[in-house]
Structure formats: C-alpha cells, structure tokens
Amino acid sequence: MAKPEIVICLGSSCFARGNERNVQVIEEYLARHGLQDEVDLVLNGALCRGRCAEGPIVVINGEVHGQVDEGTMLELLKRALPGKE
C-alpha cells in the first residue's frame, strides 16, 4: 500500500500566508501519532502550485486544498490518516 503524500508549497506567498506553521503542525502531528515513517512529506518551493491567491496551498494525495490554516490542517490530517488517532 502506498504511503499518503503531503505536499506543502513553500513558495513565498504560501510560506508568508501560513505554510511555515503548517509544516510545524504536520511534523508535530506525525511525531505525536508515531507516523513519521508512514507518510511521505514533500516540501516544494521551487515548483509553485500557481494558485498563490488561494494560499497557503497543501496537496494531500493529489487533492489540492487552499487557504489552509492550522485548524484546517489538523482536520485534513485526520481525514488523510484515518484510524491513526
């Protein structure tokens, strides 16, 4: 079974709008639930998603999510990693 993939845009707009904190939220969540080896976390700054006005952008398993704040990030993680609470 393939690992879930989380792609965080680290382009300047997304980074300034909150993806710096979203990276921390993801790392803390994975550590708290012992999932560091079960998820592929991709930090992507060079290849902007091209949706800067919707940022911060987070892509989980190919699905693009815009305007992701800390609360939304936690909900997305719970949905992407069911049964891992």
PDB file of N, CA and C in Angstrom:
ATOM      1  N   MET A   1       0.844  -1.181   0.000  1.00  0.00           N
ATOM      2  CA  MET A   1       0.000   0.000   0.000  1.00  0.00           C
ATOM      3  C   MET A   1       0.888   1.242   0.000  1.00  0.00           C
ATOM      4  N   ALA A   2       0.557   2.204  -0.851  1.00  0.00           N
ATOM      5  CA  ALA A   2       1.360   3.423  -0.971  1.00  0.00           C
ATOM      6  C   ALA A   2       1.174   4.307   0.251  1.00  0.00           C
ATOM      7  N   LYS A   3       2.250   4.996   0.590  1.00  0.00           N
ATOM      8  CA  LYS A   3       2.193   5.932   1.703  1.00  0.00           C
ATOM      9  C   LYS A   3       1.385   7.157   1.281  1.00  0.00           C
ATOM     10  N   PRO A   4       0.632   7.748   2.213  1.00  0.00           N
ATOM     11  CA  PRO A   4      -0.021   9.022   1.898  1.00  0.00           C
ATOM     12  C   PRO A   4       1.055  10.063   1.588  1.00  0.00           C
ATOM     13  N   GLU A   5       0.752  10.965   0.676  1.00  0.00           N
ATOM     14  CA  GLU A   5       1.707  12.012   0.323  1.00  0.00           C
ATOM     15  C   GLU A   5       1.124  13.372   0.653  1.00  0.00           C
ATOM     16  N   ILE A   6       1.906  14.165   1.351  1.00  0.00           N
ATOM     17  CA  ILE A   6       1.527  15.529   1.690  1.00  0.00           C
ATOM     18  C   ILE A   6       2.545  16.456   1.053  1.00  0.00           C
ATOM     19  N   VAL A   7       2.074  17.368   0.195  1.00  0.00           N
ATOM     20  CA  VAL A   7       2.954  18.322  -0.479  1.00  0.00           C
ATOM     21  C   VAL A   7       2.612  19.711   0.044  1.00  0.00           C
ATOM     22  N   ILE A   8       3.606  20.376   0.565  1.00  0.00           N
ATOM     23  CA  ILE A   8       3.450  21.729   1.111  1.00  0.00           C
ATOM     24  C   ILE A   8       4.139  22.697   0.166  1.00  0.00           C
ATOM     25  N   CYS A   9       3.399  23.663  -0.352  1.00  0.00           N
ATOM     26  CA  CYS A   9       4.027  24.684  -1.189  1.00  0.00           C
ATOM     27  C   CYS A   9       4.795  25.648  -0.293  1.00  0.00           C
ATOM     28  N   LEU A  10       6.065  25.828  -0.584  1.00  0.00           N
ATOM     29  CA  LEU A  10       6.889  26.771   0.165  1.00  0.00           C
ATOM     30  C   LEU A  10       7.281  27.969  -0.690  1.00  0.00           C
ATOM     31  N   GLY A  11       6.464  28.248  -1.714  1.00  0.00           N
ATOM     32  CA  GLY A  11       6.650  29.474  -2.466  1.00  0.00           C
ATOM     33  C   GLY A  11       6.462  30.656  -1.516  1.00  0.00           C
ATOM     34  N   SER A  12       6.993  31.799  -1.864  1.00  0.00           N
ATOM     35  CA  SER A  12       6.990  32.930  -0.927  1.00  0.00           C
ATOM     36  C   SER A  12       5.595  33.318  -0.461  1.00  0.00           C
ATOM     37  N   SER A  13       4.606  33.291  -1.340  1.00  0.00           N
ATOM     38  CA  SER A  13       3.252  33.667  -0.951  1.00  0.00           C
ATOM     39  C   SER A  13       2.656  32.674   0.042  1.00  0.00           C
ATOM     40  N   CYS A  14       2.738  31.386  -0.272  1.00  0.00           N
ATOM     41  CA  CYS A  14       2.188  30.365   0.627  1.00  0.00           C
ATOM     42  C   CYS A  14       2.934  30.321   1.954  1.00  0.00           C
ATOM     43  N   PHE A  15       4.239  30.491   1.892  1.00  0.00           N
ATOM     44  CA  PHE A  15       5.049  30.482   3.112  1.00  0.00           C
ATOM     45  C   PHE A  15       4.638  31.641   4.020  1.00  0.00           C
ATOM     46  N   ALA A  16       4.494  32.832   3.437  1.00  0.00           N
ATOM     47  CA  ALA A  16       4.129  34.012   4.210  1.00  0.00           C
ATOM     48  C   ALA A  16       2.705  33.926   4.752  1.00  0.00           C
ATOM     49  N   ARG A  17       1.836  33.220   4.061  1.00  0.00           N
ATOM     50  CA  ARG A  17       0.435  33.119   4.472  1.00  0.00           C
ATOM     51  C   ARG A  17       0.166  32.003   5.478  1.00  0.00           C
ATOM     52  N   GLY A  18       1.166  31.189   5.787  1.00  0.00           N
ATOM     53  CA  GLY A  18       0.936  30.212   6.838  1.00  0.00           C
ATOM     54  C   GLY A  18       1.509  28.833   6.650  1.00  0.00           C
ATOM     55  N   ASN A  19       2.097  28.535   5.506  1.00  0.00           N
ATOM     56  CA  ASN A  19       2.624  27.184   5.348  1.00  0.00           C
ATOM     57  C   ASN A  19       3.856  26.910   6.198  1.00  0.00           C
ATOM     58  N   GLU A  20       4.514  27.956   6.668  1.00  0.00           N
ATOM     59  CA  GLU A  20       5.605  27.731   7.617  1.00  0.00           C
ATOM     60  C   GLU A  20       5.034  27.043   8.861  1.00  0.00           C
ATOM     61  N   ARG A  21       3.930  27.548   9.366  1.00  0.00           N
ATOM     62  CA  ARG A  21       3.285  26.944  10.538  1.00  0.00           C
ATOM     63  C   ARG A  21       2.683  25.578  10.188  1.00  0.00           C
ATOM     64  N   ASN A  22       2.127  25.432   8.988  1.00  0.00           N
ATOM     65  CA  ASN A  22       1.539  24.144   8.600  1.00  0.00           C
ATOM     66  C   ASN A  22       2.582  23.028   8.588  1.00  0.00           C
ATOM     67  N   VAL A  23       3.799  23.337   8.193  1.00  0.00           N
ATOM     68  CA  VAL A  23       4.867  22.334   8.234  1.00  0.00           C
ATOM     69  C   VAL A  23       5.083  21.890   9.672  1.00  0.00           C
ATOM     70  N   GLN A  24       5.120  22.844  10.595  1.00  0.00           N
ATOM     71  CA  GLN A  24       5.290  22.514  12.009  1.00  0.00           C
ATOM     72  C   GLN A  24       4.130  21.669  12.523  1.00  0.00           C
ATOM     73  N   VAL A  25       2.911  22.027  12.138  1.00  0.00           N
ATOM     74  CA  VAL A  25       1.718  21.282  12.571  1.00  0.00           C
ATOM     75  C   VAL A  25       1.799  19.833  12.085  1.00  0.00           C
ATOM     76  N   ILE A  26       2.193  19.639  10.834  1.00  0.00           N
ATOM     77  CA  ILE A  26       2.301  18.288  10.279  1.00  0.00           C
ATOM     78  C   ILE A  26       3.367  17.491  11.021  1.00  0.00           C
ATOM     79  N   GLU A  27       4.535  18.083  11.192  1.00  0.00           N
ATOM     80  CA  GLU A  27       5.625  17.375  11.875  1.00  0.00           C
ATOM     81  C   GLU A  27       5.227  16.999  13.298  1.00  0.00           C
ATOM     82  N   GLU A  28       4.565  17.917  14.004  1.00  0.00           N
ATOM     83  CA  GLU A  28       4.122  17.641  15.373  1.00  0.00           C
ATOM     84  C   GLU A  28       3.072  16.522  15.387  1.00  0.00           C
ATOM     85  N   TYR A  29       2.137  16.560  14.457  1.00  0.00           N
ATOM     86  CA  TYR A  29       1.074  15.548  14.374  1.00  0.00           C
ATOM     87  C   TYR A  29       1.667  14.168  14.105  1.00  0.00           C
ATOM     88  N   LEU A  30       2.570  14.099  13.130  1.00  0.00           N
ATOM     89  CA  LEU A  30       3.183  12.815  12.786  1.00  0.00           C
ATOM     90  C   LEU A  30       3.976  12.257  13.965  1.00  0.00           C
ATOM     91  N   ALA A  31       4.719  13.123  14.650  1.00  0.00           N
ATOM     92  CA  ALA A  31       5.512  12.674  15.804  1.00  0.00           C
ATOM     93  C   ALA A  31       4.601  12.206  16.938  1.00  0.00           C
ATOM     94  N   ARG A  32       3.557  12.963  17.206  1.00  0.00           N
ATOM     95  CA  ARG A  32       2.637  12.641  18.305  1.00  0.00           C
ATOM     96  C   ARG A  32       1.946  11.295  18.085  1.00  0.00           C
ATOM     97  N   HIS A  33       1.702  10.954  16.813  1.00  0.00           N
ATOM     98  CA  HIS A  33       0.994   9.721  16.480  1.00  0.00           C
ATOM     99  C   HIS A  33       1.922   8.618  15.967  1.00  0.00           C
ATOM    100  N   GLY A  34       3.236   8.846  16.035  1.00  0.00           N
ATOM    101  CA  GLY A  34       4.203   7.837  15.604  1.00  0.00           C
ATOM    102  C   GLY A  34       4.101   7.492  14.125  1.00  0.00           C
ATOM    103  N   LEU A  35       3.832   8.494  13.294  1.00  0.00           N
ATOM    104  CA  LEU A  35       3.588   8.265  11.867  1.00  0.00           C
ATOM    105  C   LEU A  35       4.703   8.766  10.954  1.00  0.00           C
ATOM    106  N   GLN A  36       5.848   9.156  11.496  1.00  0.00           N
ATOM    107  CA  GLN A  36       6.902   9.739  10.681  1.00  0.00           C
ATOM    108  C   GLN A  36       7.301   8.840   9.519  1.00  0.00           C
ATOM    109  N   ASP A  37       7.290   7.529   9.711  1.00  0.00           N
ATOM    110  CA  ASP A  37       7.714   6.607   8.660  1.00  0.00           C
ATOM    111  C   ASP A  37       6.575   6.139   7.775  1.00  0.00           C
ATOM    112  N   GLU A  38       5.352   6.602   8.043  1.00  0.00           N
ATOM    113  CA  GLU A  38       4.193   6.147   7.286  1.00  0.00           C
ATOM    114  C   GLU A  38       3.664   7.170   6.298  1.00  0.00           C
ATOM    115  N   VAL A  39       4.272   8.362   6.269  1.00  0.00           N
ATOM    116  CA  VAL A  39       3.804   9.438   5.406  1.00  0.00           C
ATOM    117  C   VAL A  39       4.988  10.025   4.662  1.00  0.00           C
ATOM    118  N   ASP A  40       4.810  10.295   3.358  1.00  0.00           N
ATOM    119  CA  ASP A  40       5.831  10.999   2.583  1.00  0.00           C
ATOM    120  C   ASP A  40       5.499  12.485   2.633  1.00  0.00           C
ATOM    121  N   LEU A  41       6.345  13.274   3.276  1.00  0.00           N
ATOM    122  CA  LEU A  41       6.159  14.719   3.369  1.00  0.00           C
ATOM    123  C   LEU A  41       7.100  15.368   2.370  1.00  0.00           C
ATOM    124  N   VAL A  42       6.520  16.109   1.422  1.00  0.00           N
ATOM    125  CA  VAL A  42       7.304  16.743   0.368  1.00  0.00           C
ATOM    126  C   VAL A  42       7.208  18.256   0.544  1.00  0.00           C
ATOM    127  N   LEU A  43       8.354  18.883   0.749  1.00  0.00           N
ATOM    128  CA  LEU A  43       8.397  20.336   0.839  1.00  0.00           C
ATOM    129  C   LEU A  43       8.765  20.864  -0.534  1.00  0.00           C
ATOM    130  N   ASN A  44       7.870  21.627  -1.128  1.00  0.00           N
ATOM    131  CA  ASN A  44       8.015  22.029  -2.516  1.00  0.00           C
ATOM    132  C   ASN A  44       7.987  23.540  -2.621  1.00  0.00           C
ATOM    133  N   GLY A  45       9.136  24.136  -2.876  1.00  0.00           N
ATOM    134  CA  GLY A  45       9.196  25.581  -3.039  1.00  0.00           C
ATOM    135  C   GLY A  45       9.510  25.994  -4.453  1.00  0.00           C
ATOM    136  N   ALA A  46      10.273  25.186  -5.144  1.00  0.00           N
ATOM    137  CA  ALA A  46      10.713  25.552  -6.489  1.00  0.00           C
ATOM    138  C   ALA A  46       9.588  25.498  -7.512  1.00  0.00           C
ATOM    139  N   LEU A  47       8.672  24.559  -7.324  1.00  0.00           N
ATOM    140  CA  LEU A  47       7.577  24.393  -8.282  1.00  0.00           C
ATOM    141  C   LEU A  47       6.277  24.875  -7.654  1.00  0.00           C
ATOM    142  N   CYS A  48       6.084  26.174  -7.659  1.00  0.00           N
ATOM    143  CA  CYS A  48       4.884  26.781  -7.096  1.00  0.00           C
ATOM    144  C   CYS A  48       3.647  26.147  -7.724  1.00  0.00           C
ATOM    145  N   ARG A  49       2.587  26.042  -6.978  1.00  0.00           N
ATOM    146  CA  ARG A  49       1.334  25.458  -7.447  1.00  0.00           C
ATOM    147  C   ARG A  49       0.585  26.396  -8.379  1.00  0.00           C
ATOM    148  N   GLY A  50       1.002  27.662  -8.470  1.00  0.00           N
ATOM    149  CA  GLY A  50       0.375  28.616  -9.382  1.00  0.00           C
ATOM    150  C   GLY A  50      -0.992  29.085  -8.908  1.00  0.00           C
ATOM    151  N   ARG A  51      -1.286  28.885  -7.643  1.00  0.00           N
ATOM    152  CA  ARG A  51      -2.578  29.288  -7.092  1.00  0.00           C
ATOM    153  C   ARG A  51      -2.346  30.176  -5.873  1.00  0.00           C
ATOM    154  N   CYS A  52      -1.448  31.126  -6.035  1.00  0.00           N
ATOM    155  CA  CYS A  52      -0.984  31.946  -4.915  1.00  0.00           C
ATOM    156  C   CYS A  52      -2.121  32.683  -4.208  1.00  0.00           C
ATOM    157  N   ALA A  53      -3.116  33.138  -4.935  1.00  0.00           N
ATOM    158  CA  ALA A  53      -4.225  33.875  -4.322  1.00  0.00           C
ATOM    159  C   ALA A  53      -5.044  32.988  -3.386  1.00  0.00           C
ATOM    160  N   GLU A  54      -4.941  31.682  -3.545  1.00  0.00           N
ATOM    161  CA  GLU A  54      -5.687  30.738  -2.712  1.00  0.00           C
ATOM    162  C   GLU A  54      -4.851  30.202  -1.551  1.00  0.00           C
ATOM    163  N   GLY A  55      -3.620  30.676  -1.424  1.00  0.00           N
ATOM    164  CA  GLY A  55      -2.695  30.115  -0.446  1.00  0.00           C
ATOM    165  C   GLY A  55      -3.066  30.388   0.988  1.00  0.00           C
ATOM    166  N   PRO A  56      -2.474  29.634   1.869  1.00  0.00           N
ATOM    167  CA  PRO A  56      -1.459  28.626   1.614  1.00  0.00           C
ATOM    168  C   PRO A  56      -2.059  27.339   1.046  1.00  0.00           C
ATOM    169  N   ILE A  57      -1.310  26.761   0.099  1.00  0.00           N
ATOM    170  CA  ILE A  57      -1.729  25.557  -0.618  1.00  0.00           C
ATOM    171  C   ILE A  57      -1.059  24.329  -0.010  1.00  0.00           C
ATOM    172  N   VAL A  58      -1.872  23.301   0.205  1.00  0.00           N
ATOM    173  CA  VAL A  58      -1.403  22.000   0.671  1.00  0.00           C
ATOM    174  C   VAL A  58      -2.057  20.957  -0.229  1.00  0.00           C
ATOM    175  N   VAL A  59      -1.272  19.993  -0.712  1.00  0.00           N
ATOM    176  CA  VAL A  59      -1.802  18.924  -1.551  1.00  0.00           C
ATOM    177  C   VAL A  59      -1.655  17.613  -0.788  1.00  0.00           C
ATOM    178  N   ILE A  60      -2.775  16.928  -0.590  1.00  0.00           N
ATOM    179  CA  ILE A  60      -2.761  15.654   0.116  1.00  0.00           C
ATOM    180  C   ILE A  60      -3.302  14.586  -0.821  1.00  0.00           C
ATOM    181  N   ASN A  61      -2.442  13.619  -1.114  1.00  0.00           N
ATOM    182  CA  ASN A  61      -2.797  12.521  -2.019  1.00  0.00           C
ATOM    183  C   ASN A  61      -3.373  13.041  -3.334  1.00  0.00           C
ATOM    184  N   GLY A  62      -2.769  14.105  -3.857  1.00  0.00           N
ATOM    185  CA  GLY A  62      -3.164  14.653  -5.151  1.00  0.00           C
ATOM    186  C   GLY A  62      -4.312  15.647  -5.105  1.00  0.00           C
ATOM    187  N   GLU A  63      -4.953  15.820  -3.959  1.00  0.00           N
ATOM    188  CA  GLU A  63      -6.072  16.760  -3.831  1.00  0.00           C
ATOM    189  C   GLU A  63      -5.556  18.091  -3.293  1.00  0.00           C
ATOM    190  N   VAL A  64      -5.807  19.163  -4.037  1.00  0.00           N
ATOM    191  CA  VAL A  64      -5.316  20.490  -3.682  1.00  0.00           C
ATOM    192  C   VAL A  64      -6.283  21.161  -2.712  1.00  0.00           C
ATOM    193  N   HIS A  65      -5.725  21.710  -1.641  1.00  0.00           N
ATOM    194  CA  HIS A  65      -6.513  22.431  -0.636  1.00  0.00           C
ATOM    195  C   HIS A  65      -5.940  23.835  -0.513  1.00  0.00           C
ATOM    196  N   GLY A  66      -6.818  24.835  -0.533  1.00  0.00           N
ATOM    197  CA  GLY A  66      -6.389  26.221  -0.418  1.00  0.00           C
ATOM    198  C   GLY A  66      -6.813  26.825   0.901  1.00  0.00           C
ATOM    199  N   GLN A  67      -6.159  27.923   1.241  1.00  0.00           N
ATOM    200  CA  GLN A  67      -6.427  28.688   2.453  1.00  0.00           C
ATOM    201  C   GLN A  67      -6.384  27.791   3.696  1.00  0.00           C
ATOM    202  N   VAL A  68      -5.348  26.980   3.768  1.00  0.00           N
ATOM    203  CA  VAL A  68      -5.203  26.010   4.859  1.00  0.00           C
ATOM    204  C   VAL A  68      -4.549  26.671   6.063  1.00  0.00           C
ATOM    205  N   ASP A  69      -5.339  26.805   7.136  1.00  0.00           N
ATOM    206  CA  ASP A  69      -4.788  27.313   8.386  1.00  0.00           C
ATOM    207  C   ASP A  69      -4.519  26.123   9.308  1.00  0.00           C
ATOM    208  N   GLU A  70      -4.091  26.396  10.525  1.00  0.00           N
ATOM    209  CA  GLU A  70      -3.709  25.331  11.445  1.00  0.00           C
ATOM    210  C   GLU A  70      -4.866  24.369  11.733  1.00  0.00           C
ATOM    211  N   GLY A  71      -6.059  24.899  11.974  1.00  0.00           N
ATOM    212  CA  GLY A  71      -7.221  24.051  12.251  1.00  0.00           C
ATOM    213  C   GLY A  71      -7.601  23.185  11.063  1.00  0.00           C
ATOM    214  N   THR A  72      -7.587  23.779   9.882  1.00  0.00           N
ATOM    215  CA  THR A  72      -7.892  23.028   8.667  1.00  0.00           C
ATOM    216  C   THR A  72      -6.847  21.950   8.446  1.00  0.00           C
ATOM    217  N   MET A  73      -5.585  22.282   8.711  1.00  0.00           N
ATOM    218  CA  MET A  73      -4.505  21.311   8.527  1.00  0.00           C
ATOM    219  C   MET A  73      -4.734  20.089   9.400  1.00  0.00           C
ATOM    220  N   LEU A  74      -5.112  20.294  10.650  1.00  0.00           N
ATOM    221  CA  LEU A  74      -5.364  19.164  11.544  1.00  0.00           C
ATOM    222  C   LEU A  74      -6.519  18.307  11.048  1.00  0.00           C
ATOM    223  N   GLU A  75      -7.585  18.933  10.548  1.00  0.00           N
ATOM    224  CA  GLU A  75      -8.724  18.179  10.016  1.00  0.00           C
ATOM    225  C   GLU A  75      -8.326  17.378   8.778  1.00  0.00           C
ATOM    226  N   LEU A  76      -7.523  17.979   7.917  1.00  0.00           N
ATOM    227  CA  LEU A  76      -7.060  17.270   6.721  1.00  0.00           C
ATOM    228  C   LEU A  76      -6.202  16.058   7.098  1.00  0.00           C
ATOM    229  N   LEU A  77      -5.366  16.213   8.104  1.00  0.00           N
ATOM    230  CA  LEU A  77      -4.528  15.099   8.551  1.00  0.00           C
ATOM    231  C   LEU A  77      -5.382  13.967   9.114  1.00  0.00           C
ATOM    232  N   LYS A  78      -6.391  14.311   9.878  1.00  0.00           N
ATOM    233  CA  LYS A  78      -7.276  13.281  10.445  1.00  0.00           C
ATOM    234  C   LYS A  78      -7.987  12.514   9.336  1.00  0.00           C
ATOM    235  N   ARG A  79      -8.406  13.226   8.277  1.00  0.00           N
ATOM    236  CA  ARG A  79      -9.087  12.555   7.155  1.00  0.00           C
ATOM    237  C   ARG A  79      -8.132  11.711   6.327  1.00  0.00           C
ATOM    238  N   ALA A  80      -6.908  12.219   6.135  1.00  0.00           N
ATOM    239  CA  ALA A  80      -5.934  11.512   5.298  1.00  0.00           C
ATOM    240  C   ALA A  80      -5.347  10.303   5.998  1.00  0.00           C
ATOM    241  N   LEU A  81      -5.373  10.316   7.319  1.00  0.00           N
ATOM    242  CA  LEU A  81      -4.768   9.235   8.106  1.00  0.00           C
ATOM    243  C   LEU A  81      -5.809   8.641   9.052  1.00  0.00           C
ATOM    244  N   PRO A  82      -6.889   8.062   8.514  1.00  0.00           N
ATOM    245  CA  PRO A  82      -7.964   7.534   9.366  1.00  0.00           C
ATOM    246  C   PRO A  82      -7.455   6.392  10.239  1.00  0.00           C
ATOM    247  N   GLY A  83      -8.012   6.333  11.434  1.00  0.00           N
ATOM    248  CA  GLY A  83      -7.652   5.272  12.356  1.00  0.00           C
ATOM    249  C   GLY A  83      -6.286   5.426  12.974  1.00  0.00           C
ATOM    250  N   LYS A  84      -5.671   6.577  12.785  1.00  0.00           N
ATOM    251  CA  LYS A  84      -4.318   6.804  13.307  1.00  0.00           C
ATOM    252  C   LYS A  84      -4.336   7.686  14.536  1.00  0.00           C
ATOM    253  N   GLU A  85      -5.521   7.969  15.061  1.00  0.00           N
ATOM    254  CA  GLU A  85      -5.648   8.838  16.244  1.00  0.00           C
ATOM    255  C   GLU A  85      -5.017   8.209  17.447  1.00  0.00           C
TER     256      GLU A  85
END
